[in-house]
Amino acid sequence: MEEVEFVGRACWTVELAPPPGKPMPLRIWVDIESGQMLGYRSEEAGVGAQFVDLEVGEDIDDAWFVWDGPVYTPEQHQQMLKERHEAVERAQTDWFAETVTAAPIVVRVPVNFTPNAVPFHDADSGAFDAMSQHTMLSRRPRSEEGWAPRWGAVHYVWSTPGWDWAAAAHDADLDDEAIRQLQQTLHSDEPIDRQRRIGPPGRGKVG
């Protein structure tokens, strides 16, 4: 570190080694009296900045630090930002509804329930929990009251004469037709009862 004159002030200057990912060193100048950094420069990169009109120790009018505008808590500010964002989205979707279509746009996509893991299976009862990256499929021996897992995703449950079943998809909105196709693949010749659509815990039945 050296003591030099910089922008008319007595300063310390030091060259800082480049941090990881930065190829070039950086030189800084710090005012000895105030401790304020007055400039920096990377000579090899040809970039930097410095004060050009500096006064140290001048009296500053307290009125410069008085705010007479509105005051919000962080929570109020976040709510304002949320409301502005929602207003922009509403305007965008209103434009789409008026310009393109206001009708729901729903298309059917295939959902592959083929599991890549079966973390639970019972050889004696035939019960299992199977899953893939996007789906869950389970069954238990049929019980008197029926069975429903407490899954976080919306899921379907139903029963056949020997089993209680459950199925869910994380990234797709399963409907009755999708479940019907799944049931045809799993047990096409068996009667089905007690079918219902269940929401996440705390929300109860959703359909």
C-alpha atoms as a PDB file:
ATOM      1  CA  MET A   1       0.000   0.000   0.000  1.00  0.00           C
ATOM      2  CA  GLU A   2       1.295   3.454  -0.912  1.00  0.00           C
ATOM      3  CA  GLU A   3       0.387   6.984   0.160  1.00  0.00           C
ATOM      4  CA  VAL A   4      -0.228   9.177  -2.893  1.00  0.00           C
ATOM      5  CA  GLU A   5      -2.163  12.243  -3.978  1.00  0.00           C
ATOM      6  CA  PHE A   6      -5.319  11.456  -5.939  1.00  0.00           C
ATOM      7  CA  VAL A   7      -7.925  13.981  -7.153  1.00  0.00           C
ATOM      8  CA  GLY A   8      -6.211  16.540  -4.921  1.00  0.00           C
ATOM      9  CA  ARG A   9      -6.489  14.409  -1.771  1.00  0.00           C
ATOM     10  CA  ALA A  10      -4.014  12.415   0.310  1.00  0.00           C
ATOM     11  CA  CYS A  11      -4.894   8.801  -0.397  1.00  0.00           C
ATOM     12  CA  TRP A  12      -3.828   5.259   0.156  1.00  0.00           C
ATOM     13  CA  THR A  13      -3.645   3.149  -2.967  1.00  0.00           C
ATOM     14  CA  VAL A  14      -3.384  -0.593  -3.305  1.00  0.00           C
ATOM     15  CA  GLU A  15      -3.610  -3.079  -6.155  1.00  0.00           C
ATOM     16  CA  LEU A  16      -5.956  -5.963  -5.414  1.00  0.00           C
ATOM     17  CA  ALA A  17      -5.269  -9.402  -6.862  1.00  0.00           C
ATOM     18  CA  PRO A  18      -8.049 -10.675  -9.119  1.00  0.00           C
ATOM     19  CA  PRO A  19     -10.613 -12.961  -7.435  1.00  0.00           C
ATOM     20  CA  PRO A  20     -11.460 -16.384  -8.909  1.00  0.00           C
ATOM     21  CA  GLY A  21     -12.945 -15.963 -12.357  1.00  0.00           C
ATOM     22  CA  LYS A  22     -11.485 -12.479 -12.860  1.00  0.00           C
ATOM     23  CA  PRO A  23      -8.290 -12.300 -14.954  1.00  0.00           C
ATOM     24  CA  MET A  24      -7.082  -8.762 -14.130  1.00  0.00           C
ATOM     25  CA  PRO A  25      -6.054  -6.909 -10.923  1.00  0.00           C
ATOM     26  CA  LEU A  26      -7.864  -3.814  -9.638  1.00  0.00           C
ATOM     27  CA  ARG A  27      -6.293  -0.681  -8.152  1.00  0.00           C
ATOM     28  CA  ILE A  28      -8.251   1.437  -5.677  1.00  0.00           C
ATOM     29  CA  TRP A  29      -7.635   4.831  -4.061  1.00  0.00           C
ATOM     30  CA  VAL A  30      -8.974   5.534  -0.536  1.00  0.00           C
ATOM     31  CA  ASP A  31      -9.115   8.991   1.043  1.00  0.00           C
ATOM     32  CA  ILE A  32      -7.005   8.937   4.238  1.00  0.00           C
ATOM     33  CA  GLU A  33      -9.068  11.527   6.127  1.00  0.00           C
ATOM     34  CA  SER A  34     -12.578  10.212   5.400  1.00  0.00           C
ATOM     35  CA  GLY A  35     -11.975   6.565   4.501  1.00  0.00           C
ATOM     36  CA  GLN A  36     -14.017   7.065   1.318  1.00  0.00           C
ATOM     37  CA  MET A  37     -12.917   5.191  -1.798  1.00  0.00           C
ATOM     38  CA  LEU A  38     -12.316   7.897  -4.378  1.00  0.00           C
ATOM     39  CA  GLY A  39     -11.618   5.764  -7.426  1.00  0.00           C
ATOM     40  CA  TYR A  40     -10.826   2.402  -8.905  1.00  0.00           C
ATOM     41  CA  ARG A  41      -9.265   1.255 -12.144  1.00  0.00           C
ATOM     42  CA  SER A  42      -8.283  -1.917 -13.928  1.00  0.00           C
ATOM     43  CA  GLU A  43      -5.508  -0.737 -16.208  1.00  0.00           C
ATOM     44  CA  GLU A  44      -5.379  -3.924 -18.280  1.00  0.00           C
ATOM     45  CA  ALA A  45      -9.123  -3.855 -18.894  1.00  0.00           C
ATOM     46  CA  GLY A  46      -9.212  -0.111 -19.406  1.00  0.00           C
ATOM     47  CA  VAL A  47     -12.175   0.400 -17.059  1.00  0.00           C
ATOM     48  CA  GLY A  48     -12.632   2.393 -13.883  1.00  0.00           C
ATOM     49  CA  ALA A  49     -14.339   5.337 -12.196  1.00  0.00           C
ATOM     50  CA  GLN A  50     -13.381   8.176  -9.867  1.00  0.00           C
ATOM     51  CA  PHE A  51     -14.665  11.325  -8.205  1.00  0.00           C
ATOM     52  CA  VAL A  52     -14.001  14.445 -10.275  1.00  0.00           C
ATOM     53  CA  ASP A  53     -15.442  17.146  -7.948  1.00  0.00           C
ATOM     54  CA  LEU A  54     -14.919  16.284  -4.299  1.00  0.00           C
ATOM     55  CA  GLU A  55     -15.502  18.206  -1.078  1.00  0.00           C
ATOM     56  CA  VAL A  56     -14.868  16.596   2.286  1.00  0.00           C
ATOM     57  CA  GLY A  57     -16.120  17.944   5.617  1.00  0.00           C
ATOM     58  CA  GLU A  58     -18.679  20.403   4.251  1.00  0.00           C
ATOM     59  CA  ASP A  59     -21.859  21.035   6.254  1.00  0.00           C
ATOM     60  CA  ILE A  60     -24.892  19.311   4.785  1.00  0.00           C
ATOM     61  CA  ASP A  61     -28.397  20.633   5.209  1.00  0.00           C
ATOM     62  CA  ASP A  62     -30.456  18.177   7.280  1.00  0.00           C
ATOM     63  CA  ALA A  63     -33.396  18.857   4.981  1.00  0.00           C
ATOM     64  CA  TRP A  64     -31.640  16.802   2.315  1.00  0.00           C
ATOM     65  CA  PHE A  65     -32.291  13.711   4.437  1.00  0.00           C
ATOM     66  CA  VAL A  66     -35.971  14.343   5.143  1.00  0.00           C
ATOM     67  CA  TRP A  67     -38.510  12.216   3.222  1.00  0.00           C
ATOM     68  CA  ASP A  68     -41.997  13.677   3.027  1.00  0.00           C
ATOM     69  CA  GLY A  69     -43.396  11.143   0.580  1.00  0.00           C
ATOM     70  CA  PRO A  70     -45.475   8.043   1.342  1.00  0.00           C
ATOM     71  CA  VAL A  71     -44.087   5.430   3.728  1.00  0.00           C
ATOM     72  CA  TYR A  72     -44.766   1.691   3.351  1.00  0.00           C
ATOM     73  CA  THR A  73     -43.806  -1.343   5.366  1.00  0.00           C
ATOM     74  CA  PRO A  74     -41.947  -4.096   3.472  1.00  0.00           C
ATOM     75  CA  GLU A  75     -45.147  -6.160   3.525  1.00  0.00           C
ATOM     76  CA  GLN A  76     -47.189  -3.296   2.065  1.00  0.00           C
ATOM     77  CA  HIS A  77     -44.581  -2.715  -0.624  1.00  0.00           C
ATOM     78  CA  GLN A  78     -44.596  -6.396  -1.588  1.00  0.00           C
ATOM     79  CA  GLN A  79     -48.386  -6.317  -1.749  1.00  0.00           C
ATOM     80  CA  MET A  80     -48.273  -3.278  -4.034  1.00  0.00           C
ATOM     81  CA  LEU A  81     -45.811  -5.018  -6.338  1.00  0.00           C
ATOM     82  CA  LYS A  82     -48.022  -8.127  -6.366  1.00  0.00           C
ATOM     83  CA  GLU A  83     -51.125  -6.096  -7.211  1.00  0.00           C
ATOM     84  CA  ARG A  84     -49.316  -4.272 -10.027  1.00  0.00           C
ATOM     85  CA  HIS A  85     -48.091  -7.587 -11.426  1.00  0.00           C
ATOM     86  CA  GLU A  86     -51.581  -9.073 -11.241  1.00  0.00           C
ATOM     87  CA  ALA A  87     -53.038  -5.989 -12.953  1.00  0.00           C
ATOM     88  CA  VAL A  88     -50.546  -6.360 -15.815  1.00  0.00           C
ATOM     89  CA  GLU A  89     -51.390 -10.063 -16.160  1.00  0.00           C
ATOM     90  CA  ARG A  90     -55.128  -9.304 -16.163  1.00  0.00           C
ATOM     91  CA  ALA A  91     -54.632  -6.744 -18.912  1.00  0.00           C
ATOM     92  CA  GLN A  92     -52.620  -9.258 -20.935  1.00  0.00           C
ATOM     93  CA  THR A  93     -55.159 -12.066 -20.546  1.00  0.00           C
ATOM     94  CA  ASP A  94     -58.043  -9.668 -21.266  1.00  0.00           C
ATOM     95  CA  TRP A  95     -56.332  -8.769 -24.523  1.00  0.00           C
ATOM     96  CA  PHE A  96     -55.953 -12.451 -25.378  1.00  0.00           C
ATOM     97  CA  ALA A  97     -59.602 -13.164 -24.569  1.00  0.00           C
ATOM     98  CA  GLU A  98     -60.780 -10.263 -26.715  1.00  0.00           C
ATOM     99  CA  THR A  99     -58.344 -10.807 -29.579  1.00  0.00           C
ATOM    100  CA  VAL A 100     -57.915 -14.576 -29.767  1.00  0.00           C
ATOM    101  CA  THR A 101     -60.510 -16.491 -27.730  1.00  0.00           C
ATOM    102  CA  ALA A 102     -62.208 -16.370 -24.356  1.00  0.00           C
ATOM    103  CA  ALA A 103     -63.017 -20.083 -24.427  1.00  0.00           C
ATOM    104  CA  PRO A 104     -60.998 -22.499 -22.240  1.00  0.00           C
ATOM    105  CA  ILE A 105     -58.105 -24.006 -24.205  1.00  0.00           C
ATOM    106  CA  VAL A 106     -57.807 -27.614 -23.094  1.00  0.00           C
ATOM    107  CA  VAL A 107     -56.065 -30.397 -24.975  1.00  0.00           C
ATOM    108  CA  ARG A 108     -55.501 -34.009 -23.940  1.00  0.00           C
ATOM    109  CA  VAL A 109     -51.938 -35.226 -23.554  1.00  0.00           C
ATOM    110  CA  PRO A 110     -50.804 -38.782 -22.785  1.00  0.00           C
ATOM    111  CA  VAL A 111     -49.791 -39.557 -19.186  1.00  0.00           C
ATOM    112  CA  ASN A 112     -47.324 -42.409 -18.854  1.00  0.00           C
ATOM    113  CA  PHE A 113     -47.935 -44.304 -15.600  1.00  0.00           C
ATOM    114  CA  THR A 114     -45.204 -46.858 -16.300  1.00  0.00           C
ATOM    115  CA  PRO A 115     -43.197 -46.842 -13.034  1.00  0.00           C
ATOM    116  CA  ASN A 116     -39.481 -46.440 -12.753  1.00  0.00           C
ATOM    117  CA  ALA A 117     -39.587 -47.269  -9.033  1.00  0.00           C
ATOM    118  CA  VAL A 118     -41.748 -49.457  -6.785  1.00  0.00           C
ATOM    119  CA  PRO A 119     -40.564 -48.430  -3.304  1.00  0.00           C
ATOM    120  CA  PHE A 120     -43.176 -50.579  -1.564  1.00  0.00           C
ATOM    121  CA  HIS A 121     -44.652 -53.929  -2.541  1.00  0.00           C
ATOM    122  CA  ASP A 122     -45.979 -56.769  -0.440  1.00  0.00           C
ATOM    123  CA  ALA A 123     -45.625 -60.223  -1.944  1.00  0.00           C
ATOM    124  CA  ASP A 124     -48.293 -61.719   0.307  1.00  0.00           C
ATOM    125  CA  SER A 125     -51.094 -59.184  -0.185  1.00  0.00           C
ATOM    126  CA  GLY A 126     -50.152 -57.783  -3.609  1.00  0.00           C
ATOM    127  CA  ALA A 127     -50.214 -54.200  -2.316  1.00  0.00           C
ATOM    128  CA  PHE A 128     -47.763 -51.769  -3.908  1.00  0.00           C
ATOM    129  CA  ASP A 129     -46.722 -48.136  -4.339  1.00  0.00           C
ATOM    130  CA  ALA A 130     -45.269 -47.404  -7.778  1.00  0.00           C
ATOM    131  CA  MET A 131     -44.072 -44.108  -9.193  1.00  0.00           C
ATOM    132  CA  SER A 132     -42.358 -42.358 -12.028  1.00  0.00           C
ATOM    133  CA  GLN A 133     -41.018 -38.832 -12.235  1.00  0.00           C
ATOM    134  CA  HIS A 134     -44.522 -37.508 -12.909  1.00  0.00           C
ATOM    135  CA  THR A 135     -46.998 -40.112 -11.584  1.00  0.00           C
ATOM    136  CA  MET A 136     -47.993 -42.205  -8.580  1.00  0.00           C
ATOM    137  CA  LEU A 137     -49.985 -45.438  -8.657  1.00  0.00           C
ATOM    138  CA  SER A 138     -50.925 -47.578  -5.641  1.00  0.00           C
ATOM    139  CA  ARG A 139     -53.230 -50.386  -4.622  1.00  0.00           C
ATOM    140  CA  ARG A 140     -54.226 -52.139  -1.424  1.00  0.00           C
ATOM    141  CA  PRO A 141     -56.459 -55.158  -0.729  1.00  0.00           C
ATOM    142  CA  ARG A 142     -60.079 -53.990  -0.791  1.00  0.00           C
ATOM    143  CA  SER A 143     -61.283 -52.798   2.609  1.00  0.00           C
ATOM    144  CA  GLU A 144     -64.750 -52.263   3.970  1.00  0.00           C
ATOM    145  CA  GLU A 145     -64.387 -48.478   4.233  1.00  0.00           C
ATOM    146  CA  GLY A 146     -62.218 -47.979   1.138  1.00  0.00           C
ATOM    147  CA  TRP A 147     -58.707 -46.560   1.060  1.00  0.00           C
ATOM    148  CA  ALA A 148     -57.243 -43.186   0.105  1.00  0.00           C
ATOM    149  CA  PRO A 149     -53.610 -42.121   0.488  1.00  0.00           C
ATOM    150  CA  ARG A 150     -52.834 -38.677   1.873  1.00  0.00           C
ATOM    151  CA  TRP A 151     -51.019 -37.433  -1.208  1.00  0.00           C
ATOM    152  CA  GLY A 152     -50.226 -33.784  -1.767  1.00  0.00           C
ATOM    153  CA  ALA A 153     -51.413 -33.881  -5.381  1.00  0.00           C
ATOM    154  CA  VAL A 154     -54.996 -34.148  -6.576  1.00  0.00           C
ATOM    155  CA  HIS A 155     -55.649 -37.864  -7.040  1.00  0.00           C
ATOM    156  CA  TYR A 156     -58.300 -40.399  -7.956  1.00  0.00           C
ATOM    157  CA  VAL A 157     -59.289 -43.404  -5.872  1.00  0.00           C
ATOM    158  CA  TRP A 158     -61.535 -46.305  -6.880  1.00  0.00           C
ATOM    159  CA  SER A 159     -62.217 -49.921  -6.006  1.00  0.00           C
ATOM    160  CA  THR A 160     -62.519 -53.212  -7.836  1.00  0.00           C
ATOM    161  CA  PRO A 161     -63.783 -56.437  -6.222  1.00  0.00           C
ATOM    162  CA  GLY A 162     -60.342 -57.295  -4.864  1.00  0.00           C
ATOM    163  CA  TRP A 163     -58.495 -53.977  -4.647  1.00  0.00           C
ATOM    164  CA  ASP A 164     -58.568 -50.328  -3.602  1.00  0.00           C
ATOM    165  CA  TRP A 165     -56.625 -48.212  -6.135  1.00  0.00           C
ATOM    166  CA  ALA A 166     -55.160 -44.685  -6.218  1.00  0.00           C
ATOM    167  CA  ALA A 167     -53.533 -42.671  -9.006  1.00  0.00           C
ATOM    168  CA  ALA A 168     -52.094 -39.166  -9.345  1.00  0.00           C
ATOM    169  CA  ALA A 169     -50.066 -37.094 -11.789  1.00  0.00           C
ATOM    170  CA  HIS A 170     -47.881 -34.171 -10.764  1.00  0.00           C
ATOM    171  CA  ASP A 171     -47.796 -32.221 -14.019  1.00  0.00           C
ATOM    172  CA  ALA A 172     -51.110 -33.111 -15.624  1.00  0.00           C
ATOM    173  CA  ASP A 173     -54.751 -32.505 -14.756  1.00  0.00           C
ATOM    174  CA  LEU A 174     -56.239 -35.988 -14.607  1.00  0.00           C
ATOM    175  CA  ASP A 175     -59.921 -36.272 -15.483  1.00  0.00           C
ATOM    176  CA  ASP A 176     -62.490 -39.060 -15.574  1.00  0.00           C
ATOM    177  CA  GLU A 177     -61.597 -40.038 -19.133  1.00  0.00           C
ATOM    178  CA  ALA A 178     -57.885 -40.322 -18.334  1.00  0.00           C
ATOM    179  CA  ILE A 179     -58.682 -42.503 -15.316  1.00  0.00           C
ATOM    180  CA  ARG A 180     -61.020 -44.640 -17.417  1.00  0.00           C
ATOM    181  CA  GLN A 181     -58.195 -45.322 -19.860  1.00  0.00           C
ATOM    182  CA  LEU A 182     -55.851 -46.167 -16.986  1.00  0.00           C
ATOM    183  CA  GLN A 183     -58.400 -48.554 -15.529  1.00  0.00           C
ATOM    184  CA  GLN A 184     -58.822 -50.257 -18.910  1.00  0.00           C
ATOM    185  CA  THR A 185     -55.077 -50.925 -18.950  1.00  0.00           C
ATOM    186  CA  LEU A 186     -54.903 -52.161 -15.353  1.00  0.00           C
ATOM    187  CA  HIS A 187     -58.107 -54.242 -14.996  1.00  0.00           C
ATOM    188  CA  SER A 188     -60.335 -53.968 -18.050  1.00  0.00           C
ATOM    189  CA  ASP A 189     -62.697 -56.824 -17.110  1.00  0.00           C
ATOM    190  CA  GLU A 190     -63.385 -55.870 -13.495  1.00  0.00           C
ATOM    191  CA  PRO A 191     -66.305 -53.765 -12.230  1.00  0.00           C
ATOM    192  CA  ILE A 192     -65.438 -50.428 -10.607  1.00  0.00           C
ATOM    193  CA  ASP A 193     -67.084 -48.647  -7.695  1.00  0.00           C
ATOM    194  CA  ARG A 194     -66.329 -46.003  -5.028  1.00  0.00           C
ATOM    195  CA  GLN A 195     -64.506 -43.790  -7.526  1.00  0.00           C
ATOM    196  CA  ARG A 196     -63.866 -40.208  -6.490  1.00  0.00           C
ATOM    197  CA  ARG A 197     -61.434 -37.351  -7.022  1.00  0.00           C
ATOM    198  CA  ILE A 198     -59.640 -36.099  -3.905  1.00  0.00           C
ATOM    199  CA  GLY A 199     -57.766 -32.882  -3.240  1.00  0.00           C
ATOM    200  CA  PRO A 200     -54.644 -32.409  -1.111  1.00  0.00           C
ATOM    201  CA  PRO A 201     -54.936 -32.904   2.692  1.00  0.00           C
ATOM    202  CA  GLY A 202     -57.141 -30.247   4.235  1.00  0.00           C
ATOM    203  CA  ARG A 203     -59.142 -29.627   1.073  1.00  0.00           C
ATOM    204  CA  GLY A 204     -61.196 -32.815   1.031  1.00  0.00           C
ATOM    205  CA  LYS A 205     -63.033 -34.083  -2.009  1.00  0.00           C
ATOM    206  CA  VAL A 206     -62.737 -31.817  -5.057  1.00  0.00           C
ATOM    207  CA  GLY A 207     -64.840 -33.623  -7.590  1.00  0.00           C
END
